[in-house]
PDB file of N, CA and C in Angstrom:
ATOM      1  N   SER A   1      -9.274 -17.700  -5.167  1.00  0.00           N
ATOM      2  CA  SER A   1      -9.679 -16.289  -5.429  1.00  0.00           C
ATOM      3  C   SER A   1      -8.864 -15.366  -4.559  1.00  0.00           C
ATOM      4  N   LEU A   2      -8.582 -14.248  -5.159  1.00  0.00           N
ATOM      5  CA  LEU A   2      -7.645 -13.296  -4.309  1.00  0.00           C
ATOM      6  C   LEU A   2      -8.316 -12.752  -3.056  1.00  0.00           C
ATOM      7  N   ASP A   3      -9.832 -12.769  -3.008  1.00  0.00           N
ATOM      8  CA  ASP A   3     -10.433 -12.349  -1.879  1.00  0.00           C
ATOM      9  C   ASP A   3     -10.177 -13.309  -0.639  1.00  0.00           C
ATOM     10  N   VAL A   4     -10.224 -14.544  -1.010  1.00  0.00           N
ATOM     11  CA  VAL A   4      -9.978 -15.633   0.069  1.00  0.00           C
ATOM     12  C   VAL A   4      -8.466 -15.588   0.591  1.00  0.00           C
ATOM     13  N   GLN A   5      -7.497 -15.252  -0.319  1.00  0.00           N
ATOM     14  CA  GLN A   5      -6.156 -15.163   0.142  1.00  0.00           C
ATOM     15  C   GLN A   5      -5.974 -13.993   1.057  1.00  0.00           C
ATOM     16  N   TYR A   6      -6.606 -12.856   0.772  1.00  0.00           N
ATOM     17  CA  TYR A   6      -6.449 -11.697   1.525  1.00  0.00           C
ATOM     18  C   TYR A   6      -7.090 -11.890   2.849  1.00  0.00           C
ATOM     19  N   SER A   7      -8.331 -12.507   2.829  1.00  0.00           N
ATOM     20  CA  SER A   7      -9.128 -12.679   4.052  1.00  0.00           C
ATOM     21  C   SER A   7      -8.275 -13.688   4.999  1.00  0.00           C
ATOM     22  N   VAL A   8      -7.609 -14.729   4.426  1.00  0.00           N
ATOM     23  CA  VAL A   8      -6.858 -15.524   5.284  1.00  0.00           C
ATOM     24  C   VAL A   8      -5.590 -14.747   5.847  1.00  0.00           C
ATOM     25  N   TRP A   9      -5.003 -14.018   5.072  1.00  0.00           N
ATOM     26  CA  TRP A   9      -3.863 -13.177   5.485  1.00  0.00           C
ATOM     27  C   TRP A   9      -4.329 -12.239   6.708  1.00  0.00           C
ATOM     28  N   LEU A  10      -5.366 -11.492   6.453  1.00  0.00           N
ATOM     29  CA  LEU A  10      -5.899 -10.755   7.585  1.00  0.00           C
ATOM     30  C   LEU A  10      -6.363 -11.495   8.810  1.00  0.00           C
ATOM     31  N   ASP A  11      -6.914 -12.745   8.597  1.00  0.00           N
ATOM     32  CA  ASP A  11      -7.293 -13.520   9.822  1.00  0.00           C
ATOM     33  C   ASP A  11      -6.106 -13.855  10.606  1.00  0.00           C
ATOM     34  N   ASN A  12      -4.926 -14.004   9.989  1.00  0.00           N
ATOM     35  CA  ASN A  12      -3.717 -14.429  10.693  1.00  0.00           C
ATOM     36  C   ASN A  12      -2.755 -13.301  11.084  1.00  0.00           C
ATOM     37  N   HIS A  13      -3.162 -12.025  10.893  1.00  0.00           N
ATOM     38  CA  HIS A  13      -2.381 -10.912  11.255  1.00  0.00           C
ATOM     39  C   HIS A  13      -3.209  -9.839  11.886  1.00  0.00           C
ATOM     40  N   THR A  14      -2.622  -9.022  12.789  1.00  0.00           N
ATOM     41  CA  THR A  14      -3.324  -8.025  13.461  1.00  0.00           C
ATOM     42  C   THR A  14      -3.522  -6.764  12.571  1.00  0.00           C
ATOM     43  N   GLU A  15      -4.413  -5.953  12.900  1.00  0.00           N
ATOM     44  CA  GLU A  15      -4.726  -4.650  12.141  1.00  0.00           C
ATOM     45  C   GLU A  15      -3.375  -3.796  12.007  1.00  0.00           C
ATOM     46  N   GLN A  16      -2.757  -3.927  13.162  1.00  0.00           N
ATOM     47  CA  GLN A  16      -1.491  -3.075  13.326  1.00  0.00           C
ATOM     48  C   GLN A  16      -0.431  -3.613  12.399  1.00  0.00           C
ATOM     49  N   GLU A  17      -0.245  -4.993  12.199  1.00  0.00           N
ATOM     50  CA  GLU A  17       0.578  -5.556  11.244  1.00  0.00           C
ATOM     51  C   GLU A  17       0.119  -5.237   9.758  1.00  0.00           C
ATOM     52  N   ALA A  18      -1.093  -5.261   9.556  1.00  0.00           N
ATOM     53  CA  ALA A  18      -1.599  -4.883   8.220  1.00  0.00           C
ATOM     54  C   ALA A  18      -1.329  -3.448   7.787  1.00  0.00           C
ATOM     55  N   VAL A  19      -1.475  -2.497   8.770  1.00  0.00           N
ATOM     56  CA  VAL A  19      -1.231  -1.172   8.546  1.00  0.00           C
ATOM     57  C   VAL A  19       0.279  -0.862   8.264  1.00  0.00           C
ATOM     58  N   ARG A  20       1.152  -1.563   9.060  1.00  0.00           N
ATOM     59  CA  ARG A  20       2.591  -1.543   8.921  1.00  0.00           C
ATOM     60  C   ARG A  20       3.010  -2.000   7.486  1.00  0.00           C
ATOM     61  N   PHE A  21       2.415  -3.083   7.085  1.00  0.00           N
ATOM     62  CA  PHE A  21       2.635  -3.725   5.749  1.00  0.00           C
ATOM     63  C   PHE A  21       2.226  -2.774   4.687  1.00  0.00           C
ATOM     64  N   ILE A  22       1.137  -2.116   4.823  1.00  0.00           N
ATOM     65  CA  ILE A  22       0.633  -1.098   3.806  1.00  0.00           C
ATOM     66  C   ILE A  22       1.693   0.020   3.689  1.00  0.00           C
ATOM     67  N   ALA A  23       1.996   0.534   4.896  1.00  0.00           N
ATOM     68  CA  ALA A  23       2.926   1.645   5.077  1.00  0.00           C
ATOM     69  C   ALA A  23       4.261   1.399   4.370  1.00  0.00           C
ATOM     70  N   GLN A  24       4.725   0.136   4.511  1.00  0.00           N
ATOM     71  CA  GLN A  24       6.018  -0.195   3.987  1.00  0.00           C
ATOM     72  C   GLN A  24       5.875  -0.335   2.402  1.00  0.00           C
ATOM     73  N   GLY A  25       4.848  -0.746   1.938  1.00  0.00           N
ATOM     74  CA  GLY A  25       4.480  -0.777   0.467  1.00  0.00           C
ATOM     75  C   GLY A  25       4.426   0.666  -0.089  1.00  0.00           C
ATOM     76  N   VAL A  26       3.824   1.515   0.609  1.00  0.00           N
ATOM     77  CA  VAL A  26       3.679   2.878   0.173  1.00  0.00           C
ATOM     78  C   VAL A  26       5.034   3.508   0.170  1.00  0.00           C
ATOM     79  N   ALA A  27       5.866   3.336   1.171  1.00  0.00           N
ATOM     80  CA  ALA A  27       7.233   3.876   1.161  1.00  0.00           C
ATOM     81  C   ALA A  27       8.057   3.307   0.134  1.00  0.00           C
ATOM     82  N   ALA A  28       7.920   2.032  -0.145  1.00  0.00           N
ATOM     83  CA  ALA A  28       8.760   1.358  -1.296  1.00  0.00           C
ATOM     84  C   ALA A  28       8.268   2.092  -2.601  1.00  0.00           C
ATOM     85  N   GLY A  29       6.944   2.133  -2.809  1.00  0.00           N
ATOM     86  CA  GLY A  29       6.569   2.726  -3.953  1.00  0.00           C
ATOM     87  C   GLY A  29       6.977   4.241  -4.164  1.00  0.00           C
ATOM     88  N   GLU A  30       6.908   4.941  -3.009  1.00  0.00           N
ATOM     89  CA  GLU A  30       7.418   6.322  -3.133  1.00  0.00           C
ATOM     90  C   GLU A  30       8.876   6.513  -3.434  1.00  0.00           C
ATOM     91  N   ALA A  31       9.650   5.483  -3.019  1.00  0.00           N
ATOM     92  CA  ALA A  31      11.202   5.557  -3.341  1.00  0.00           C
ATOM     93  C   ALA A  31      11.402   5.219  -4.667  1.00  0.00           C
ATOM     94  N   SER A  32      10.566   4.471  -5.351  1.00  0.00           N
ATOM     95  CA  SER A  32      10.766   4.021  -6.729  1.00  0.00           C
ATOM     96  C   SER A  32      10.059   4.862  -7.873  1.00  0.00           C
ATOM     97  N   VAL A  33       9.249   5.825  -7.451  1.00  0.00           N
ATOM     98  CA  VAL A  33       8.544   6.661  -8.293  1.00  0.00           C
ATOM     99  C   VAL A  33       9.412   7.688  -8.939  1.00  0.00           C
ATOM    100  N   ASP A  34       9.366   7.785 -10.216  1.00  0.00           N
ATOM    101  CA  ASP A  34      10.133   8.766 -10.955  1.00  0.00           C
ATOM    102  C   ASP A  34       9.429  10.154 -10.697  1.00  0.00           C
ATOM    103  N   SER A  35      10.176  11.093 -10.100  1.00  0.00           N
ATOM    104  CA  SER A  35       9.661  12.391  -9.771  1.00  0.00           C
ATOM    105  C   SER A  35       9.106  13.235 -11.052  1.00  0.00           C
ATOM    106  N   GLU A  36       9.606  12.812 -12.115  1.00  0.00           N
ATOM    107  CA  GLU A  36       9.146  13.487 -13.438  1.00  0.00           C
ATOM    108  C   GLU A  36       7.771  12.928 -13.963  1.00  0.00           C
ATOM    109  N   ASP A  37       7.272  11.803 -13.404  1.00  0.00           N
ATOM    110  CA  ASP A  37       6.218  11.143 -13.887  1.00  0.00           C
ATOM    111  C   ASP A  37       4.908  11.539 -13.146  1.00  0.00           C
ATOM    112  N   ALA A  38       4.256  12.475 -13.799  1.00  0.00           N
ATOM    113  CA  ALA A  38       3.143  13.088 -13.229  1.00  0.00           C
ATOM    114  C   ALA A  38       1.999  12.157 -12.876  1.00  0.00           C
ATOM    115  N   GLU A  39       1.770  11.182 -13.639  1.00  0.00           N
ATOM    116  CA  GLU A  39       0.763  10.154 -13.519  1.00  0.00           C
ATOM    117  C   GLU A  39       1.044   9.235 -12.221  1.00  0.00           C
ATOM    118  N   ALA A  40       2.342   8.880 -12.184  1.00  0.00           N
ATOM    119  CA  ALA A  40       2.844   8.090 -11.077  1.00  0.00           C
ATOM    120  C   ALA A  40       2.795   8.871  -9.743  1.00  0.00           C
ATOM    121  N   GLN A  41       3.014  10.123  -9.807  1.00  0.00           N
ATOM    122  CA  GLN A  41       2.955  10.976  -8.614  1.00  0.00           C
ATOM    123  C   GLN A  41       1.428  11.106  -8.099  1.00  0.00           C
ATOM    124  N   GLN A  42       0.561  11.234  -9.065  1.00  0.00           N
ATOM    125  CA  GLN A  42      -0.803  11.413  -8.783  1.00  0.00           C
ATOM    126  C   GLN A  42      -1.367  10.170  -8.179  1.00  0.00           C
ATOM    127  N   LEU A  43      -0.982   8.918  -8.721  1.00  0.00           N
ATOM    128  CA  LEU A  43      -1.354   7.645  -8.037  1.00  0.00           C
ATOM    129  C   LEU A  43      -0.774   7.519  -6.712  1.00  0.00           C
ATOM    130  N   LEU A  44       0.486   7.867  -6.490  1.00  0.00           N
ATOM    131  CA  LEU A  44       1.087   7.724  -5.204  1.00  0.00           C
ATOM    132  C   LEU A  44       0.440   8.624  -4.237  1.00  0.00           C
ATOM    133  N   SER A  45       0.085   9.838  -4.611  1.00  0.00           N
ATOM    134  CA  SER A  45      -0.720  10.649  -3.744  1.00  0.00           C
ATOM    135  C   SER A  45      -2.102  10.109  -3.321  1.00  0.00           C
ATOM    136  N   LEU A  46      -2.688   9.470  -4.180  1.00  0.00           N
ATOM    137  CA  LEU A  46      -4.009   8.794  -3.884  1.00  0.00           C
ATOM    138  C   LEU A  46      -3.760   7.675  -2.952  1.00  0.00           C
ATOM    139  N   ILE A  47      -2.819   6.869  -3.241  1.00  0.00           N
ATOM    140  CA  ILE A  47      -2.537   5.738  -2.333  1.00  0.00           C
ATOM    141  C   ILE A  47      -2.093   6.106  -0.935  1.00  0.00           C
ATOM    142  N   LYS A  48      -1.447   7.251  -0.840  1.00  0.00           N
ATOM    143  CA  LYS A  48      -1.070   7.773   0.501  1.00  0.00           C
ATOM    144  C   LYS A  48      -2.181   8.238   1.197  1.00  0.00           C
ATOM    145  N   ARG A  49      -3.171   8.900   0.442  1.00  0.00           N
ATOM    146  CA  ARG A  49      -4.377   9.388   1.290  1.00  0.00           C
ATOM    147  C   ARG A  49      -5.263   8.166   1.617  1.00  0.00           C
ATOM    148  N   LEU A  50      -5.342   7.209   0.924  1.00  0.00           N
ATOM    149  CA  LEU A  50      -6.076   5.852   1.228  1.00  0.00           C
ATOM    150  C   LEU A  50      -5.446   5.255   2.424  1.00  0.00           C
ATOM    151  N   ALA A  51      -4.157   5.227   2.460  1.00  0.00           N
ATOM    152  CA  ALA A  51      -3.467   4.544   3.569  1.00  0.00           C
ATOM    153  C   ALA A  51      -3.344   5.321   4.939  1.00  0.00           C
ATOM    154  N   ALA A  52      -3.739   6.516   4.815  1.00  0.00           N
ATOM    155  CA  ALA A  52      -3.718   7.462   6.060  1.00  0.00           C
ATOM    156  C   ALA A  52      -4.749   7.208   6.893  1.00  0.00           C
TER     157      ALA A  52
END
């Protein structure tokens, strides 16, 4: 199950590493989002708020 995989990952990494991983994912998503795609921009905005 995915829950188990994420739990194992979190058990083996610090909170700081997890936050850095999330921030890298948000940055990669931001770089790849088409600025003309309003739905993608809205989703990215939500993800950034959740990651903050």
